[in-house]
Amino acid sequence: MANPQNVSPKPKAPETKRPAPSLPETETAPTVSEAVSAEPAPAPVETQTPGVVAAPSTALAISEPPKPAESEAEGFDPALWQQKSIDLWAENATAFLDFAERLANAKTIDEVTALQSRFVSERIDALLRQSTELMTLAQRLLNFSIAPIYGARAA
């Protein structure tokens, strides 16, 4: 058997160059400027001047201002919003911590699912109640805030 390292490489066949295909003398490739000028010209765009349209008035017409109750506007304390928010936060935190304690003391999966179901149900009820309380308080705060504005317009 011959050693592949001692074998001389086979001579390569000489490469022949093929001539480039030539175009017949009657057909020559168009130059870039000829190709561009041969394209059809785009249709001219007609310019239209927009008609002048009057802008709508941005003034807000208030036919009759809302009338806050005199006692409500005078006796309302804006700090109630902050206090109510803190009270609701404390209520929710207490409910969660109570739930966590009961959950830690649960012995079975059935007890865990019952606790979780009851907690979610109670929290949804609390959410509805708390959102109603906050909405009522927000309406009172709005009436208190706009009372000076409408009082100044009436004068």
Protein backbone atom coordinates (compact mmCIF):
# COMPACT_ATOMS: atom_id res chain seq x y z
CA MET A 1 0.00 0.00 0.00
CA ALA A 2 1.23 3.41 -0.90
CA ASN A 3 1.70 6.04 1.70
CA PRO A 4 -0.76 8.91 0.96
CA GLN A 5 1.80 11.47 2.08
CA ASN A 6 4.32 10.36 -0.54
CA VAL A 7 1.87 10.42 -3.44
CA SER A 8 2.26 13.46 -5.64
CA PRO A 9 -0.88 15.49 -6.30
CA LYS A 10 -2.64 15.01 -9.59
CA PRO A 11 -2.05 17.82 -12.04
CA LYS A 12 -5.02 20.11 -12.53
CA ALA A 13 -6.51 20.66 -15.91
CA PRO A 14 -5.85 24.15 -17.23
CA GLU A 15 -8.82 26.47 -16.77
CA THR A 16 -10.34 27.83 -19.90
CA LYS A 17 -12.01 31.19 -19.84
CA ARG A 18 -15.34 31.51 -21.45
CA PRO A 19 -16.03 34.61 -23.43
CA ALA A 20 -18.69 36.90 -21.97
CA PRO A 21 -21.96 36.77 -23.85
CA SER A 22 -22.08 39.69 -26.12
CA LEU A 23 -25.11 41.63 -27.22
CA PRO A 24 -25.73 41.96 -30.89
CA GLU A 25 -24.45 45.25 -32.21
CA THR A 26 -27.96 46.48 -32.89
CA GLU A 27 -28.99 46.07 -29.24
CA THR A 28 -27.04 48.07 -26.69
CA ALA A 29 -27.89 48.36 -23.04
CA PRO A 30 -29.45 51.70 -22.18
CA THR A 31 -27.56 53.99 -19.87
CA VAL A 32 -29.02 55.01 -16.54
CA SER A 33 -30.06 58.45 -17.74
CA GLU A 34 -31.72 56.95 -20.82
CA ALA A 35 -33.58 54.41 -18.66
CA VAL A 36 -34.83 57.13 -16.32
CA SER A 37 -35.89 59.42 -19.13
CA ALA A 38 -37.74 56.54 -20.80
CA GLU A 39 -40.04 56.09 -17.78
CA PRO A 40 -43.39 57.84 -18.05
CA ALA A 41 -43.53 61.10 -16.14
CA PRO A 42 -45.82 61.11 -13.11
CA ALA A 43 -49.08 62.93 -13.47
CA PRO A 44 -48.94 66.47 -12.09
CA VAL A 45 -50.49 66.91 -8.68
CA GLU A 46 -53.17 69.51 -8.48
CA THR A 47 -52.78 71.75 -5.51
CA GLN A 48 -55.88 72.78 -3.71
CA THR A 49 -56.04 75.58 -1.25
CA PRO A 50 -58.01 74.55 1.78
CA GLY A 51 -61.03 76.58 2.60
CA VAL A 52 -60.94 78.61 5.77
CA VAL A 53 -63.06 77.00 8.41
CA ALA A 54 -63.90 78.71 11.65
CA ALA A 55 -62.44 76.90 14.65
CA PRO A 56 -64.96 75.63 17.16
CA SER A 57 -65.19 77.58 20.34
CA THR A 58 -63.37 76.05 23.26
CA ALA A 59 -65.31 78.03 25.79
CA LEU A 60 -67.30 75.84 28.11
CA ALA A 61 -70.85 76.99 28.48
CA ILE A 62 -72.30 76.16 31.84
CA SER A 63 -75.98 76.79 31.91
CA GLU A 64 -76.44 76.20 35.59
CA PRO A 65 -73.62 75.43 37.97
CA PRO A 66 -74.10 72.49 40.30
CA LYS A 67 -75.28 73.64 43.67
CA PRO A 68 -73.44 72.05 46.56
CA ALA A 69 -75.35 71.87 49.76
CA GLU A 70 -74.40 74.83 51.93
CA SER A 71 -73.87 72.68 54.99
CA GLU A 72 -71.84 70.16 52.98
CA ALA A 73 -69.50 72.76 51.48
CA GLU A 74 -69.01 74.57 54.78
CA GLY A 75 -68.69 71.55 57.07
CA PHE A 76 -66.43 69.39 54.90
CA ASP A 77 -62.83 68.81 55.93
CA PRO A 78 -60.50 67.95 52.99
CA ALA A 79 -58.27 65.98 55.39
CA LEU A 80 -61.04 63.36 55.53
CA TRP A 81 -59.74 61.90 52.24
CA GLN A 82 -56.34 61.15 53.75
CA GLN A 83 -57.85 59.78 56.94
CA LYS A 84 -60.30 57.57 55.04
CA SER A 85 -57.50 56.21 52.84
CA ILE A 86 -55.44 55.30 55.90
CA ASP A 87 -58.46 53.68 57.60
CA LEU A 88 -59.22 51.57 54.52
CA TRP A 89 -55.58 50.55 54.19
CA ALA A 90 -55.49 49.49 57.85
CA GLU A 91 -58.71 47.48 57.42
CA ASN A 92 -57.30 45.64 54.41
CA ALA A 93 -53.95 44.98 56.09
CA THR A 94 -55.67 43.59 59.20
CA ALA A 95 -57.87 41.32 57.08
CA PHE A 96 -54.83 40.01 55.20
CA LEU A 97 -52.81 39.35 58.37
CA ASP A 98 -55.77 37.54 59.96
CA PHE A 99 -56.09 35.41 56.81
CA ALA A 100 -52.36 34.62 56.86
CA GLU A 101 -52.57 33.52 60.51
CA ARG A 102 -55.58 31.26 59.85
CA LEU A 103 -53.88 29.87 56.76
CA ALA A 104 -50.75 29.02 58.77
CA ASN A 105 -52.87 27.10 61.28
CA ALA A 106 -54.82 25.15 58.61
CA LYS A 107 -54.41 21.38 58.84
CA THR A 108 -55.91 20.12 55.56
CA ILE A 109 -56.18 21.17 51.95
CA ASP A 110 -59.95 21.41 52.32
CA GLU A 111 -59.52 23.87 55.17
CA VAL A 112 -57.04 25.93 53.10
CA THR A 113 -59.39 26.15 50.11
CA ALA A 114 -62.34 27.08 52.35
CA LEU A 115 -60.27 29.83 54.03
CA GLN A 116 -59.08 31.17 50.71
CA SER A 117 -62.57 31.13 49.21
CA ARG A 118 -64.03 32.95 52.21
CA PHE A 119 -61.17 35.51 52.22
CA VAL A 120 -61.62 36.33 48.52
CA SER A 121 -65.38 36.65 48.93
CA GLU A 122 -64.98 38.98 51.94
CA ARG A 123 -62.36 41.12 50.15
CA ILE A 124 -64.56 41.54 47.06
CA ASP A 125 -67.44 42.68 49.27
CA ALA A 126 -65.05 45.05 51.06
CA LEU A 127 -63.79 46.38 47.70
CA LEU A 128 -67.31 47.26 46.61
CA ARG A 129 -68.11 48.91 49.94
CA GLN A 130 -64.81 50.82 50.08
CA SER A 131 -65.07 52.04 46.50
CA THR A 132 -68.57 53.36 47.22
CA GLU A 133 -67.28 55.16 50.32
CA LEU A 134 -64.38 56.69 48.40
CA MET A 135 -66.68 57.77 45.55
CA THR A 136 -69.01 59.52 47.97
CA LEU A 137 -66.06 61.21 49.64
CA ALA A 138 -64.64 62.25 46.25
CA GLN A 139 -67.96 63.83 45.27
CA ARG A 140 -68.05 65.77 48.53
CA LEU A 141 -64.44 66.89 47.99
CA LEU A 142 -65.28 68.03 44.46
CA ASN A 143 -68.28 70.04 45.69
CA PHE A 144 -66.11 71.59 48.38
CA SER A 145 -63.39 72.44 45.84
CA ILE A 146 -65.64 74.05 43.23
CA ALA A 147 -67.83 75.97 45.67
CA PRO A 148 -65.46 79.02 45.71
CA ILE A 149 -65.30 79.05 41.88
CA TYR A 150 -69.06 79.15 41.45
CA GLY A 151 -69.38 81.61 44.30
CA ALA A 152 -66.99 83.98 42.47
CA ARG A 153 -68.97 83.67 39.23
CA ALA A 154 -72.22 84.47 40.94
CA ALA A 155 -70.81 87.64 42.49
